[in-house]
Amino acid sequence: MIYDVSEAQFEVVYDALAFGQACMMSTTLFLFFRLGAVHEQFKTPVMIAGLVTFIASFYYMRIFESWDNAYEYSLTEGNGDGSYNTGELVPTGRPFNDSLRYMDWLLTVPLLLMEIVLVMKLEKGVAVKKSTTLGVSAALMIILGYPGELVMDSDNLDKRWATWGLAMIPFIYIVYELIFGLKGALESETDERIRNKIWWATRVTVVSWLTYPLVYIIPMLGAEGATAVVGVQLGYCFSDIISKCGVGLLIFQITSAKSQQAINDATPLMKAQGVVDA
């Protein structure tokens, strides 16, 4: 569906999407360039965090292009010197394709949960099981929520409420697992500094995720047309930056701290074996 937007509405979404893309790209570069500073044992979660923001960078570029192509300025009469004044902002007839955002989430959200699981002190089998169940739940949540995202008409918002309710079932399960299901793994961390960093990573993920269902219901709270579209876009941009870039940087901090801990733990043994000078 195509909506008329004001110049201010167009520009604020334009700027938000550009800012989101810049955040994703810069975080990707940072994580990949700093990969060498992480112990081999902990490189996988950093790689996954970088992959999350890399995929998001691509989709933000496409979403930005779609928004830019959906509107244009009409031209007024010429000034007589070959120049023209811009007129009103009008739709081009090419609808804004926000479905790209769900394609992004379908790939990145399961990976985001996986990177959190992999920095925790879990047995390999348990980590694989947790990653699989959380990843499948995340994919199910996105698939269930997608049909309702296409509904913006105030006369059909009951369908949006229905898909919101269905998507909240796996959403609640994921939040529960992050807070309570992984509590044992969190408490098993002996280094308080590392434990605090992991605690922050899980809580930042939960808090940022709680904004998604709130943004989803903006059209159900009375916002209509362009106002609803703009509100949803701004909300999702904010949530994505926190949950992907913010958590990705926390993952790097956790793996850096664990790398240093691994070096400290190995040093006495290496000295005893004569690998390094005592």
Protein backbone atom coordinates (compact mmCIF):
# COMPACT_ATOMS: atom_id res chain seq x y z
CA MET A 1 0.00 0.00 0.00
CA ILE A 2 1.23 3.50 -0.86
CA TYR A 3 0.79 6.46 1.51
CA ASP A 4 1.38 10.16 1.04
CA VAL A 5 4.10 11.40 3.38
CA SER A 6 5.23 14.89 4.23
CA GLU A 7 8.74 16.07 3.48
CA ALA A 8 9.63 15.88 7.19
CA GLN A 9 8.29 12.31 7.46
CA PHE A 10 10.20 11.22 4.38
CA GLU A 11 13.45 12.73 5.57
CA VAL A 12 13.30 11.36 9.12
CA VAL A 13 12.84 7.78 7.84
CA TYR A 14 15.48 8.41 5.14
CA ASP A 15 17.96 9.54 7.78
CA ALA A 16 17.07 6.73 10.21
CA LEU A 17 17.62 4.05 7.56
CA ALA A 18 20.91 5.64 6.51
CA PHE A 19 22.03 5.83 10.14
CA GLY A 20 21.06 2.20 10.70
CA GLN A 21 23.01 1.11 7.64
CA ALA A 22 26.09 3.04 8.79
CA CYS A 23 25.89 1.44 12.25
CA MET A 24 25.63 -2.06 10.78
CA MET A 25 28.52 -1.52 8.36
CA SER A 26 30.87 0.03 10.92
CA THR A 27 30.12 -2.70 13.48
CA THR A 28 30.80 -5.36 10.85
CA LEU A 29 34.17 -3.86 9.99
CA PHE A 30 35.14 -3.51 13.64
CA LEU A 31 34.24 -7.11 14.51
CA PHE A 32 36.01 -8.61 11.50
CA PHE A 33 39.14 -6.47 11.88
CA ARG A 34 39.37 -7.24 15.60
CA LEU A 35 38.86 -10.98 15.14
CA GLY A 36 42.60 -11.56 15.41
CA ALA A 37 42.58 -10.20 18.96
CA VAL A 38 40.33 -13.05 20.11
CA HIS A 39 41.54 -16.50 21.16
CA GLU A 40 40.85 -19.19 18.56
CA GLN A 41 38.44 -20.89 20.96
CA PHE A 42 36.15 -17.84 21.02
CA LYS A 43 36.31 -16.61 17.42
CA THR A 44 33.07 -18.28 16.29
CA PRO A 45 30.65 -16.04 18.26
CA VAL A 46 32.51 -12.94 17.06
CA MET A 47 32.28 -14.17 13.46
CA ILE A 48 28.57 -14.80 13.90
CA ALA A 49 28.07 -11.32 15.41
CA GLY A 50 29.87 -9.82 12.41
CA LEU A 51 27.79 -11.92 10.04
CA VAL A 52 24.60 -10.64 11.70
CA THR A 53 25.52 -7.00 11.10
CA PHE A 54 26.87 -7.79 7.62
CA ILE A 55 23.55 -9.32 6.55
CA ALA A 56 21.68 -6.44 8.17
CA SER A 57 23.90 -3.96 6.27
CA PHE A 58 22.84 -5.51 2.98
CA TYR A 59 19.15 -5.44 3.82
CA TYR A 60 19.29 -1.91 5.23
CA MET A 61 20.81 -0.81 1.95
CA ARG A 62 17.92 -2.41 0.06
CA ILE A 63 15.29 -1.00 2.43
CA PHE A 64 16.86 2.45 2.08
CA GLU A 65 16.78 2.16 -1.72
CA SER A 66 13.15 1.04 -1.64
CA TRP A 67 12.13 4.00 0.55
CA ASP A 68 14.06 6.43 -1.64
CA ASN A 69 12.49 5.03 -4.82
CA ALA A 70 8.97 5.15 -3.40
CA TYR A 71 8.84 8.97 -3.42
CA GLU A 72 10.07 11.83 -5.55
CA TYR A 73 9.73 15.59 -5.81
CA SER A 74 7.58 16.93 -8.59
CA LEU A 75 8.97 19.79 -10.68
CA THR A 76 7.32 23.17 -10.94
CA GLU A 77 7.52 25.42 -13.95
CA GLY A 78 11.01 26.32 -15.15
CA ASN A 79 12.71 29.53 -14.14
CA GLY A 80 13.66 30.38 -17.70
CA ASP A 81 17.35 29.73 -17.14
CA GLY A 82 17.24 25.96 -17.39
CA SER A 83 16.66 25.42 -13.68
CA TYR A 84 13.52 24.18 -11.95
CA ASN A 85 12.07 24.52 -8.48
CA THR A 86 11.07 21.42 -6.58
CA GLY A 87 7.41 20.97 -5.87
CA GLU A 88 5.59 18.58 -3.57
CA LEU A 89 6.83 15.19 -2.47
CA VAL A 90 4.70 12.60 -4.26
CA PRO A 91 4.64 8.78 -4.49
CA THR A 92 6.33 7.36 -7.57
CA GLY A 93 3.96 4.42 -7.77
CA ARG A 94 6.65 1.98 -6.62
CA PRO A 95 5.49 0.77 -3.18
CA PHE A 96 7.88 0.71 -0.25
CA ASN A 97 8.99 -2.90 0.27
CA ASP A 98 9.25 -3.32 4.03
CA SER A 99 9.13 -7.11 3.61
CA LEU A 100 12.90 -6.91 3.22
CA ARG A 101 13.15 -6.27 6.95
CA TYR A 102 11.56 -9.65 7.68
CA MET A 103 13.98 -11.37 5.29
CA ASP A 104 16.76 -9.75 7.33
CA TRP A 105 15.29 -10.94 10.63
CA LEU A 106 14.70 -14.46 9.37
CA LEU A 107 18.45 -14.78 8.81
CA THR A 108 19.90 -12.66 11.59
CA VAL A 109 17.70 -13.25 14.64
CA PRO A 110 18.51 -16.99 14.99
CA LEU A 111 22.19 -16.14 14.52
CA LEU A 112 21.96 -13.41 17.15
CA LEU A 113 20.67 -15.91 19.70
CA MET A 114 23.34 -18.40 18.68
CA GLU A 115 26.15 -15.93 19.35
CA ILE A 116 24.86 -15.39 22.89
CA VAL A 117 24.64 -19.12 23.58
CA LEU A 118 28.16 -19.74 22.27
CA VAL A 119 29.83 -17.31 24.68
CA MET A 120 28.33 -19.12 27.66
CA LYS A 121 29.95 -21.98 29.56
CA LEU A 122 27.88 -24.85 28.18
CA GLU A 123 28.72 -28.38 27.13
CA LYS A 124 28.83 -28.78 23.36
CA GLY A 125 25.68 -30.89 23.21
CA VAL A 126 23.72 -28.48 25.39
CA ALA A 127 24.93 -25.48 23.36
CA VAL A 128 23.84 -27.12 20.11
CA LYS A 129 20.43 -27.99 21.56
CA LYS A 130 19.89 -24.48 22.95
CA SER A 131 21.01 -22.86 19.68
CA THR A 132 18.67 -25.07 17.67
CA THR A 133 15.57 -24.59 19.82
CA LEU A 134 16.09 -20.84 20.15
CA GLY A 135 16.84 -20.48 16.44
CA VAL A 136 13.74 -22.42 15.38
CA SER A 137 11.62 -20.43 17.85
CA ALA A 138 12.97 -17.16 16.46
CA ALA A 139 12.24 -18.21 12.87
CA LEU A 140 8.72 -19.29 13.87
CA MET A 141 8.14 -15.95 15.61
CA ILE A 142 9.14 -14.01 12.49
CA ILE A 143 7.09 -16.18 10.14
CA LEU A 144 3.99 -15.84 12.33
CA GLY A 145 4.38 -12.07 12.65
CA TYR A 146 5.03 -11.31 8.99
CA PRO A 147 1.43 -11.52 7.61
CA GLY A 148 0.20 -8.98 10.16
CA GLU A 149 2.98 -6.54 9.31
CA LEU A 150 1.40 -6.13 5.88
CA VAL A 151 -1.89 -4.99 7.45
CA MET A 152 -2.01 -1.22 8.07
CA ASP A 153 -5.66 -0.57 7.25
CA SER A 154 -7.59 0.38 10.40
CA ASP A 155 -10.54 -1.75 9.28
CA ASN A 156 -8.46 -4.95 9.31
CA LEU A 157 -6.35 -4.52 12.43
CA ASP A 158 -7.92 -7.59 14.02
CA LYS A 159 -5.72 -9.65 11.69
CA ARG A 160 -2.67 -7.74 12.88
CA TRP A 161 -3.65 -8.38 16.52
CA ALA A 162 -4.06 -12.10 15.75
CA THR A 163 -0.61 -12.49 14.21
CA TRP A 164 0.90 -10.40 17.01
CA GLY A 165 -0.62 -12.77 19.57
CA LEU A 166 0.65 -15.87 17.74
CA ALA A 167 4.17 -14.44 17.36
CA MET A 168 4.27 -13.59 21.06
CA ILE A 169 4.15 -17.31 21.98
CA PRO A 170 7.67 -18.14 20.71
CA PHE A 171 8.77 -14.64 21.71
CA ILE A 172 7.89 -15.26 25.36
CA TYR A 173 9.66 -18.62 25.24
CA ILE A 174 12.86 -16.99 23.92
CA VAL A 175 12.78 -14.24 26.56
CA TYR A 176 12.22 -16.87 29.27
CA GLU A 177 15.19 -18.90 28.05
CA LEU A 178 17.47 -15.86 27.97
CA ILE A 179 16.56 -14.86 31.53
CA PHE A 180 15.96 -18.18 33.26
CA GLY A 181 16.91 -21.05 30.93
CA LEU A 182 20.53 -19.90 30.66
CA LYS A 183 20.79 -18.77 34.28
CA GLY A 184 22.78 -21.85 35.30
CA ALA A 185 25.36 -21.28 32.57
CA LEU A 186 25.67 -17.66 33.61
CA GLU A 187 26.22 -18.53 37.27
CA SER A 188 28.86 -21.11 36.35
CA GLU A 189 31.18 -18.33 35.17
CA THR A 190 33.87 -17.96 37.82
CA ASP A 191 35.14 -14.59 36.62
CA GLU A 192 32.76 -11.93 37.91
CA ARG A 193 33.76 -9.49 35.16
CA ILE A 194 32.88 -11.98 32.44
CA ARG A 195 29.68 -12.96 34.23
CA ASN A 196 28.58 -9.32 34.35
CA LYS A 197 29.29 -8.84 30.65
CA ILE A 198 27.22 -11.90 29.72
CA TRP A 199 24.45 -10.70 32.04
CA TRP A 200 24.43 -7.37 30.22
CA ALA A 201 24.40 -9.07 26.81
CA THR A 202 21.33 -11.13 27.68
CA ARG A 203 19.51 -8.20 29.32
CA VAL A 204 20.26 -5.78 26.49
CA THR A 205 18.93 -8.40 24.08
CA VAL A 206 15.75 -8.84 26.11
CA VAL A 207 15.16 -5.09 26.54
CA SER A 208 15.77 -4.36 22.86
CA TRP A 209 13.55 -7.25 21.87
CA LEU A 210 10.72 -5.95 24.03
CA THR A 211 10.57 -2.88 21.81
CA TYR A 212 9.68 -4.95 18.72
CA PRO A 213 6.19 -6.03 19.85
CA LEU A 214 5.55 -2.46 21.03
CA VAL A 215 6.53 -1.04 17.64
CA TYR A 216 4.41 -3.71 15.95
CA ILE A 217 1.24 -2.42 17.63
CA ILE A 218 1.75 1.26 16.74
CA PRO A 219 -0.96 1.04 14.02
CA MET A 220 -3.28 -0.62 16.58
CA LEU A 221 -2.89 2.31 18.98
CA GLY A 222 -4.54 4.84 16.69
CA ALA A 223 -1.71 5.79 14.32
CA GLU A 224 -2.86 5.65 10.72
CA GLY A 225 -1.40 5.92 7.23
CA ALA A 226 1.95 7.63 6.90
CA THR A 227 2.16 8.30 10.65
CA ALA A 228 1.99 4.58 11.38
CA VAL A 229 4.54 3.74 8.67
CA VAL A 230 7.00 6.35 9.94
CA GLY A 231 6.56 5.26 13.57
CA VAL A 232 7.15 1.62 12.71
CA GLN A 233 10.27 2.37 10.64
CA LEU A 234 11.85 4.55 13.32
CA GLY A 235 11.06 2.02 16.05
CA TYR A 236 12.50 -0.93 14.13
CA CYS A 237 15.67 1.01 13.26
CA PHE A 238 16.26 1.83 16.92
CA SER A 239 15.62 -1.76 18.01
CA ASP A 240 17.88 -3.23 15.32
CA ILE A 241 20.81 -1.00 16.21
CA ILE A 242 20.64 -1.99 19.88
CA SER A 243 19.99 -5.71 19.39
CA LYS A 244 22.53 -6.24 16.58
CA CYS A 245 25.25 -3.62 16.90
CA GLY A 246 25.04 -3.16 20.66
CA VAL A 247 24.89 -6.86 21.47
CA GLY A 248 27.55 -7.63 18.86
CA LEU A 249 29.98 -5.25 20.57
CA LEU A 250 29.16 -6.84 23.94
CA ILE A 251 29.91 -10.25 22.44
CA PHE A 252 33.32 -8.96 21.40
CA GLN A 253 33.98 -7.67 24.92
CA ILE A 254 32.99 -11.05 26.40
CA THR A 255 35.22 -13.03 24.03
CA SER A 256 38.11 -10.62 24.62
CA ALA A 257 37.80 -11.08 28.38
CA LYS A 258 37.55 -14.87 27.99
CA SER A 259 40.59 -14.84 25.70
CA GLN A 260 42.62 -13.01 28.32
CA GLN A 261 41.39 -15.45 30.96
CA ALA A 262 42.48 -18.40 28.79
CA ILE A 263 45.93 -16.86 28.37
CA ASN A 264 46.25 -16.25 32.12
CA ASP A 265 45.17 -19.82 32.90
CA ALA A 266 47.63 -21.29 30.39
CA THR A 267 50.65 -19.20 31.38
CA PRO A 268 51.61 -21.14 34.61
CA LEU A 269 51.43 -24.45 32.76
CA MET A 270 53.49 -23.11 29.85
CA LYS A 271 56.09 -21.79 32.28
CA ALA A 272 56.27 -25.19 34.00
CA GLN A 273 56.79 -26.86 30.64
CA GLY A 274 59.41 -24.32 29.65
CA VAL A 275 57.36 -23.02 26.73
CA VAL A 276 57.71 -19.48 28.04
CA ASP A 277 60.30 -17.97 30.34
CA ALA A 278 59.47 -18.19 34.02
